[in-house]
């Protein structure tokens, strides 16, 4: 069952200016994210948008955890995925989140991310009718 969604959009130029400060990069991005970035502002902007989108899945925004607690990496095909650490992992555990799917898109000037948090072990609230999905309570 989907327990939360989140999206975020950010100006790549804003992140390009911010990554000039080493302290910003260390405070926001894990070592693996930094290594994977190749120093590209667009990569950092994509990952920043992911962190914001995931925080919105929690319903908290960025509160109670560090941005480095949300790590966004890419698999061998370039598909982004999230690993939660520290307090973000604790929040996800309390919310019984089993998985967070993310999607990233960008233009020359903007990065956008969308996240969907799925709850583990819960029965679906909706059952399928011949005409689509219907709320079983109505």
N, C-alpha and C. Protein backbone atom coordinates (compact mmCIF):
# COMPACT_ATOMS: atom_id res chain seq x y z
N UNK A 1 0.84 -1.17 0.00
CA UNK A 1 0.00 0.00 0.00
C UNK A 1 0.89 1.24 0.00
N UNK A 2 0.51 2.23 -0.75
CA UNK A 2 1.25 3.50 -0.77
C UNK A 2 0.94 4.26 0.51
N UNK A 3 2.01 4.62 1.21
CA UNK A 3 1.85 5.33 2.47
C UNK A 3 2.23 6.81 2.36
N UNK A 4 2.98 7.16 1.32
CA UNK A 4 3.36 8.55 1.15
C UNK A 4 3.95 8.80 -0.22
N UNK A 5 3.77 10.01 -0.69
CA UNK A 5 4.39 10.45 -1.94
C UNK A 5 5.06 11.79 -1.70
N UNK A 6 5.99 12.12 -2.55
CA UNK A 6 6.64 13.41 -2.45
C UNK A 6 7.28 13.78 -3.77
N UNK A 7 7.35 15.07 -4.03
CA UNK A 7 8.05 15.53 -5.22
C UNK A 7 8.78 16.81 -4.89
N UNK A 8 9.78 17.12 -5.68
CA UNK A 8 10.54 18.34 -5.48
C UNK A 8 11.15 18.75 -6.81
N UNK A 9 11.30 20.04 -6.98
CA UNK A 9 11.94 20.58 -8.18
C UNK A 9 12.92 21.66 -7.71
N UNK A 10 14.08 21.69 -8.33
CA UNK A 10 15.12 22.63 -7.91
C UNK A 10 15.87 23.18 -9.11
N UNK A 11 16.30 24.40 -8.99
CA UNK A 11 17.10 25.06 -10.01
C UNK A 11 18.55 24.55 -9.91
N UNK A 12 19.04 23.97 -10.98
CA UNK A 12 20.40 23.41 -10.99
C UNK A 12 21.44 24.49 -10.69
N UNK A 13 21.22 25.69 -11.18
CA UNK A 13 22.18 26.78 -10.93
C UNK A 13 22.33 27.07 -9.44
N UNK A 14 21.23 26.95 -8.69
CA UNK A 14 21.29 27.17 -7.24
C UNK A 14 22.21 26.14 -6.59
N UNK A 15 22.10 24.88 -7.01
CA UNK A 15 22.96 23.83 -6.46
C UNK A 15 24.40 24.02 -6.95
N UNK A 16 24.57 24.45 -8.19
CA UNK A 16 25.91 24.69 -8.73
C UNK A 16 26.68 25.69 -7.87
N UNK A 17 25.98 26.73 -7.42
CA UNK A 17 26.61 27.72 -6.54
C UNK A 17 26.91 27.12 -5.17
N UNK A 18 25.98 26.31 -4.66
CA UNK A 18 26.13 25.74 -3.32
C UNK A 18 27.26 24.73 -3.24
N UNK A 19 27.47 23.95 -4.29
CA UNK A 19 28.50 22.90 -4.22
C UNK A 19 29.92 23.47 -4.28
N UNK A 20 30.03 24.76 -4.52
CA UNK A 20 31.34 25.41 -4.46
C UNK A 20 31.87 25.40 -3.02
N UNK A 21 30.95 25.26 -2.06
CA UNK A 21 31.33 25.21 -0.65
C UNK A 21 31.46 23.76 -0.23
N UNK A 22 32.64 23.38 0.16
CA UNK A 22 32.91 22.00 0.60
C UNK A 22 31.99 21.60 1.75
N UNK A 23 31.71 22.55 2.66
CA UNK A 23 30.86 22.22 3.81
C UNK A 23 29.45 21.84 3.38
N UNK A 24 28.92 22.47 2.34
CA UNK A 24 27.59 22.13 1.83
C UNK A 24 27.59 20.69 1.31
N UNK A 25 28.57 20.36 0.53
CA UNK A 25 28.65 19.02 -0.06
C UNK A 25 28.75 17.97 1.04
N UNK A 26 29.59 18.17 2.03
CA UNK A 26 29.75 17.20 3.13
C UNK A 26 28.48 17.08 3.97
N UNK A 27 27.79 18.19 4.16
CA UNK A 27 26.59 18.22 5.00
C UNK A 27 25.39 17.56 4.33
N UNK A 28 25.35 17.56 2.99
CA UNK A 28 24.16 17.12 2.26
C UNK A 28 24.33 15.77 1.57
N UNK A 29 25.54 15.45 1.11
CA UNK A 29 25.74 14.27 0.27
C UNK A 29 26.72 13.29 0.92
N UNK A 30 26.40 12.00 0.82
CA UNK A 30 27.29 10.96 1.35
C UNK A 30 28.54 10.86 0.48
N UNK A 31 29.52 10.17 1.00
CA UNK A 31 30.77 9.97 0.24
C UNK A 31 30.48 9.23 -1.07
N UNK A 32 29.60 8.23 -1.03
CA UNK A 32 29.28 7.48 -2.26
C UNK A 32 28.57 8.38 -3.27
N UNK A 33 27.69 9.26 -2.81
CA UNK A 33 27.04 10.19 -3.73
C UNK A 33 28.07 11.14 -4.34
N UNK A 34 28.98 11.63 -3.52
CA UNK A 34 30.03 12.52 -4.02
C UNK A 34 30.88 11.82 -5.06
N UNK A 35 31.26 10.57 -4.79
CA UNK A 35 32.08 9.81 -5.73
C UNK A 35 31.33 9.57 -7.05
N UNK A 36 30.05 9.29 -6.95
CA UNK A 36 29.24 8.98 -8.13
C UNK A 36 28.93 10.23 -8.96
N UNK A 37 28.98 11.41 -8.33
CA UNK A 37 28.56 12.65 -8.99
C UNK A 37 29.46 13.09 -10.14
N UNK A 38 30.73 12.74 -10.08
CA UNK A 38 31.67 13.23 -11.07
C UNK A 38 31.79 14.75 -11.02
N UNK A 39 31.37 15.35 -9.90
CA UNK A 39 31.42 16.80 -9.75
C UNK A 39 30.34 17.55 -10.51
N UNK A 40 29.40 16.83 -11.11
CA UNK A 40 28.36 17.47 -11.94
C UNK A 40 27.26 18.09 -11.08
N UNK A 41 27.00 19.35 -11.31
CA UNK A 41 25.94 20.06 -10.58
C UNK A 41 24.58 19.41 -10.82
N UNK A 42 24.34 18.92 -12.03
CA UNK A 42 23.04 18.31 -12.32
C UNK A 42 22.82 17.04 -11.48
N UNK A 43 23.88 16.25 -11.26
CA UNK A 43 23.77 15.06 -10.42
C UNK A 43 23.43 15.47 -8.99
N UNK A 44 24.15 16.44 -8.47
CA UNK A 44 23.88 16.92 -7.11
C UNK A 44 22.46 17.48 -7.00
N UNK A 45 22.01 18.20 -7.99
CA UNK A 45 20.65 18.75 -7.97
C UNK A 45 19.62 17.63 -8.00
N UNK A 46 19.84 16.63 -8.84
CA UNK A 46 18.94 15.48 -8.89
C UNK A 46 18.83 14.84 -7.50
N UNK A 47 19.97 14.60 -6.87
CA UNK A 47 19.97 13.95 -5.57
C UNK A 47 19.38 14.82 -4.48
N UNK A 48 19.59 16.12 -4.56
CA UNK A 48 18.98 17.02 -3.59
C UNK A 48 17.46 16.95 -3.71
N UNK A 49 16.95 16.95 -4.93
CA UNK A 49 15.51 16.84 -5.16
C UNK A 49 14.97 15.52 -4.62
N UNK A 50 15.73 14.43 -4.79
CA UNK A 50 15.32 13.13 -4.24
C UNK A 50 15.20 13.21 -2.73
N UNK A 51 16.19 13.79 -2.07
CA UNK A 51 16.18 13.88 -0.61
C UNK A 51 14.95 14.65 -0.13
N UNK A 52 14.63 15.73 -0.80
CA UNK A 52 13.44 16.51 -0.45
C UNK A 52 12.16 15.72 -0.71
N UNK A 53 12.09 15.02 -1.84
CA UNK A 53 10.90 14.23 -2.17
C UNK A 53 10.69 13.11 -1.15
N UNK A 54 11.76 12.43 -0.77
CA UNK A 54 11.65 11.36 0.22
C UNK A 54 11.19 11.92 1.56
N UNK A 55 11.71 13.06 1.95
CA UNK A 55 11.31 13.66 3.23
C UNK A 55 9.81 13.99 3.22
N UNK A 56 9.28 14.31 2.07
CA UNK A 56 7.84 14.58 1.96
C UNK A 56 7.03 13.29 2.07
N UNK A 57 7.59 12.16 1.66
CA UNK A 57 6.93 10.86 1.86
C UNK A 57 6.72 10.61 3.35
N UNK A 58 7.67 11.04 4.17
CA UNK A 58 7.58 10.86 5.61
C UNK A 58 6.52 11.77 6.23
N UNK A 59 6.16 12.83 5.51
CA UNK A 59 5.20 13.79 6.05
C UNK A 59 5.82 14.76 7.03
N UNK A 60 7.14 14.79 7.09
CA UNK A 60 7.83 15.63 8.07
C UNK A 60 8.62 16.76 7.43
N UNK A 61 8.90 16.65 6.14
CA UNK A 61 9.91 17.52 5.57
C UNK A 61 11.24 17.10 6.17
N UNK A 62 12.24 17.92 6.05
CA UNK A 62 13.57 17.58 6.59
C UNK A 62 13.61 17.97 8.06
N UNK A 63 13.08 17.08 8.89
CA UNK A 63 13.08 17.27 10.35
C UNK A 63 13.40 15.94 11.01
N UNK A 64 14.25 15.97 12.00
CA UNK A 64 14.54 14.77 12.77
C UNK A 64 15.59 13.86 12.16
N UNK A 65 16.18 14.28 11.05
CA UNK A 65 17.24 13.50 10.42
C UNK A 65 18.11 14.43 9.59
N UNK A 66 19.28 13.93 9.20
CA UNK A 66 20.20 14.69 8.36
C UNK A 66 19.96 14.33 6.89
N UNK A 67 20.28 15.23 6.00
CA UNK A 67 20.13 14.93 4.57
C UNK A 67 21.00 13.76 4.13
N UNK A 68 22.13 13.55 4.80
CA UNK A 68 22.97 12.41 4.46
C UNK A 68 22.35 11.08 4.90
N UNK A 69 21.28 11.13 5.70
CA UNK A 69 20.56 9.91 6.07
C UNK A 69 19.77 9.34 4.89
N UNK A 70 19.55 10.15 3.86
CA UNK A 70 18.91 9.70 2.63
C UNK A 70 19.98 9.70 1.55
N UNK A 71 20.31 8.51 1.08
CA UNK A 71 21.37 8.36 0.08
C UNK A 71 20.74 7.89 -1.23
N UNK A 72 21.02 8.58 -2.31
CA UNK A 72 20.49 8.22 -3.62
C UNK A 72 21.66 7.80 -4.52
N UNK A 73 21.62 6.55 -4.95
CA UNK A 73 22.65 6.00 -5.82
C UNK A 73 22.01 5.54 -7.13
N UNK A 74 22.80 5.02 -8.05
CA UNK A 74 22.30 4.52 -9.33
C UNK A 74 22.77 3.09 -9.51
N UNK A 75 21.90 2.27 -10.08
CA UNK A 75 22.31 0.90 -10.36
C UNK A 75 23.11 0.86 -11.67
N UNK A 76 23.46 -0.34 -12.12
CA UNK A 76 24.30 -0.47 -13.31
C UNK A 76 23.63 0.04 -14.59
N UNK A 77 22.31 0.22 -14.55
CA UNK A 77 21.58 0.74 -15.71
C UNK A 77 21.27 2.23 -15.57
N UNK A 78 21.70 2.83 -14.46
CA UNK A 78 21.45 4.24 -14.21
C UNK A 78 20.17 4.53 -13.45
N UNK A 79 19.44 3.47 -13.06
CA UNK A 79 18.19 3.65 -12.31
C UNK A 79 18.52 4.10 -10.89
N UNK A 80 17.90 5.20 -10.45
CA UNK A 80 18.17 5.68 -9.09
C UNK A 80 17.45 4.83 -8.04
N UNK A 81 18.10 4.68 -6.91
CA UNK A 81 17.48 4.00 -5.77
C UNK A 81 17.94 4.68 -4.49
N UNK A 82 17.17 4.48 -3.43
CA UNK A 82 17.42 5.15 -2.15
C UNK A 82 17.84 4.13 -1.10
N UNK A 83 18.82 4.52 -0.31
CA UNK A 83 19.20 3.78 0.90
C UNK A 83 19.02 4.75 2.06
N UNK A 84 18.30 4.31 3.09
CA UNK A 84 18.07 5.15 4.26
C UNK A 84 19.02 4.75 5.38
N UNK A 85 19.56 5.75 6.06
CA UNK A 85 20.49 5.55 7.16
C UNK A 85 19.97 6.30 8.38
N UNK A 86 20.53 5.99 9.53
CA UNK A 86 20.29 6.77 10.75
C UNK A 86 18.83 7.02 11.05
N UNK A 87 18.53 8.28 11.41
CA UNK A 87 17.17 8.64 11.81
C UNK A 87 16.16 8.50 10.68
N UNK A 88 16.56 8.72 9.44
CA UNK A 88 15.63 8.53 8.32
C UNK A 88 15.22 7.05 8.23
N UNK A 89 16.17 6.17 8.46
CA UNK A 89 15.86 4.74 8.49
C UNK A 89 14.93 4.40 9.65
N UNK A 90 15.14 5.04 10.80
CA UNK A 90 14.27 4.81 11.96
C UNK A 90 12.85 5.28 11.67
N UNK A 91 12.72 6.44 11.03
CA UNK A 91 11.40 6.96 10.67
C UNK A 91 10.69 5.99 9.73
N UNK A 92 11.42 5.52 8.73
CA UNK A 92 10.83 4.57 7.77
C UNK A 92 10.41 3.29 8.47
N UNK A 93 11.21 2.83 9.41
CA UNK A 93 10.87 1.61 10.16
C UNK A 93 9.58 1.82 10.96
N UNK A 94 9.48 2.95 11.65
CA UNK A 94 8.27 3.25 12.44
C UNK A 94 7.04 3.34 11.56
N UNK A 95 7.23 3.86 10.35
CA UNK A 95 6.11 3.99 9.41
C UNK A 95 5.85 2.68 8.66
N UNK A 96 6.67 1.68 8.91
CA UNK A 96 6.59 0.37 8.25
C UNK A 96 6.74 0.49 6.73
N UNK A 97 7.67 1.36 6.31
CA UNK A 97 7.95 1.53 4.89
C UNK A 97 8.87 0.40 4.44
N UNK A 98 8.43 -0.32 3.41
CA UNK A 98 9.21 -1.43 2.88
C UNK A 98 10.10 -1.00 1.73
N UNK A 99 9.64 0.00 0.98
CA UNK A 99 10.36 0.38 -0.23
C UNK A 99 10.00 1.82 -0.60
N UNK A 100 10.95 2.50 -1.18
CA UNK A 100 10.70 3.84 -1.73
C UNK A 100 11.17 3.82 -3.18
N UNK A 101 10.24 4.01 -4.09
CA UNK A 101 10.55 4.10 -5.51
C UNK A 101 10.73 5.57 -5.86
N UNK A 102 11.73 5.85 -6.68
CA UNK A 102 11.96 7.24 -7.07
C UNK A 102 12.13 7.34 -8.58
N UNK A 103 11.82 8.52 -9.07
CA UNK A 103 12.04 8.85 -10.46
C UNK A 103 12.62 10.26 -10.52
N UNK A 104 13.58 10.44 -11.40
CA UNK A 104 14.25 11.75 -11.55
C UNK A 104 14.10 12.18 -13.00
N UNK A 105 13.86 13.46 -13.19
CA UNK A 105 13.84 14.03 -14.53
C UNK A 105 14.47 15.41 -14.46
N UNK A 106 15.07 15.84 -15.55
CA UNK A 106 15.66 17.17 -15.53
C UNK A 106 15.69 17.80 -16.93
N UNK A 107 15.86 19.10 -16.90
CA UNK A 107 16.10 19.87 -18.11
C UNK A 107 17.47 20.50 -17.95
N UNK A 108 17.81 21.39 -18.83
CA UNK A 108 19.10 22.08 -18.71
C UNK A 108 19.20 22.88 -17.41
N UNK A 109 18.06 23.39 -16.93
CA UNK A 109 18.10 24.27 -15.77
C UNK A 109 17.40 23.73 -14.52
N UNK A 110 16.61 22.67 -14.63
CA UNK A 110 15.83 22.18 -13.49
C UNK A 110 16.00 20.68 -13.29
N UNK A 111 15.98 20.28 -12.01
CA UNK A 111 15.94 18.87 -11.64
C UNK A 111 14.66 18.63 -10.86
N UNK A 112 14.01 17.49 -11.14
CA UNK A 112 12.78 17.14 -10.46
C UNK A 112 12.86 15.68 -10.03
N UNK A 113 12.34 15.40 -8.84
CA UNK A 113 12.29 14.02 -8.35
C UNK A 113 10.91 13.75 -7.78
N UNK A 114 10.48 12.49 -7.94
CA UNK A 114 9.21 12.03 -7.41
C UNK A 114 9.48 10.75 -6.63
N UNK A 115 8.90 10.62 -5.44
CA UNK A 115 9.11 9.45 -4.60
C UNK A 115 7.78 8.87 -4.15
N UNK A 116 7.74 7.54 -4.08
CA UNK A 116 6.55 6.83 -3.59
C UNK A 116 7.01 5.83 -2.53
N UNK A 117 6.48 5.98 -1.32
CA UNK A 117 6.81 5.07 -0.22
C UNK A 117 5.72 4.02 -0.10
N UNK A 118 6.14 2.76 -0.07
CA UNK A 118 5.20 1.65 0.04
C UNK A 118 5.33 1.00 1.40
N UNK A 119 4.19 0.73 2.01
CA UNK A 119 4.16 0.13 3.33
C UNK A 119 4.26 -1.39 3.23
N UNK A 120 4.94 -1.99 4.19
CA UNK A 120 5.09 -3.44 4.16
C UNK A 120 3.99 -4.13 4.96
N UNK A 121 3.62 -5.31 4.49
CA UNK A 121 2.74 -6.19 5.24
C UNK A 121 1.33 -5.72 5.48
N UNK A 122 0.83 -4.77 4.73
CA UNK A 122 -0.54 -4.29 4.93
C UNK A 122 -1.39 -4.73 3.75
N UNK A 123 -2.62 -5.09 4.05
CA UNK A 123 -3.56 -5.46 2.98
C UNK A 123 -3.91 -4.21 2.19
N UNK A 124 -4.13 -4.39 0.94
CA UNK A 124 -4.52 -3.26 0.10
C UNK A 124 -5.88 -2.72 0.54
N UNK A 125 -6.02 -1.43 0.56
CA UNK A 125 -7.27 -0.79 0.96
C UNK A 125 -8.31 -0.90 -0.15
N UNK A 126 -7.84 -1.00 -1.37
CA UNK A 126 -8.74 -1.03 -2.51
C UNK A 126 -8.77 -2.42 -3.11
N UNK A 127 -9.94 -2.84 -3.52
CA UNK A 127 -10.02 -4.10 -4.23
C UNK A 127 -10.45 -3.80 -5.65
N UNK A 128 -10.04 -4.65 -6.54
CA UNK A 128 -10.30 -4.41 -7.95
C UNK A 128 -11.70 -4.89 -8.33
N UNK A 129 -12.45 -4.02 -8.96
CA UNK A 129 -13.77 -4.40 -9.49
C UNK A 129 -13.60 -4.55 -11.00
N UNK A 130 -14.60 -5.09 -11.69
CA UNK A 130 -14.49 -5.22 -13.15
C UNK A 130 -14.36 -3.86 -13.84
N UNK A 131 -14.71 -2.78 -13.13
CA UNK A 131 -14.71 -1.45 -13.74
C UNK A 131 -13.57 -0.56 -13.25
N UNK A 132 -12.63 -1.12 -12.53
CA UNK A 132 -11.52 -0.34 -12.01
C UNK A 132 -11.37 -0.58 -10.52
N UNK A 133 -10.72 0.32 -9.83
CA UNK A 133 -10.49 0.16 -8.41
C UNK A 133 -11.59 0.85 -7.62
N UNK A 134 -12.07 0.18 -6.59
CA UNK A 134 -13.17 0.69 -5.76
C UNK A 134 -12.76 0.62 -4.31
N UNK A 135 -13.11 1.64 -3.55
CA UNK A 135 -12.85 1.63 -2.12
C UNK A 135 -13.77 0.58 -1.50
N UNK A 136 -13.19 -0.40 -0.82
CA UNK A 136 -13.98 -1.49 -0.29
C UNK A 136 -14.93 -1.06 0.82
N UNK A 137 -14.69 0.10 1.43
CA UNK A 137 -15.54 0.59 2.51
C UNK A 137 -16.78 1.32 2.04
N UNK A 138 -16.90 1.63 0.77
CA UNK A 138 -18.06 2.38 0.26
C UNK A 138 -18.88 1.56 -0.70
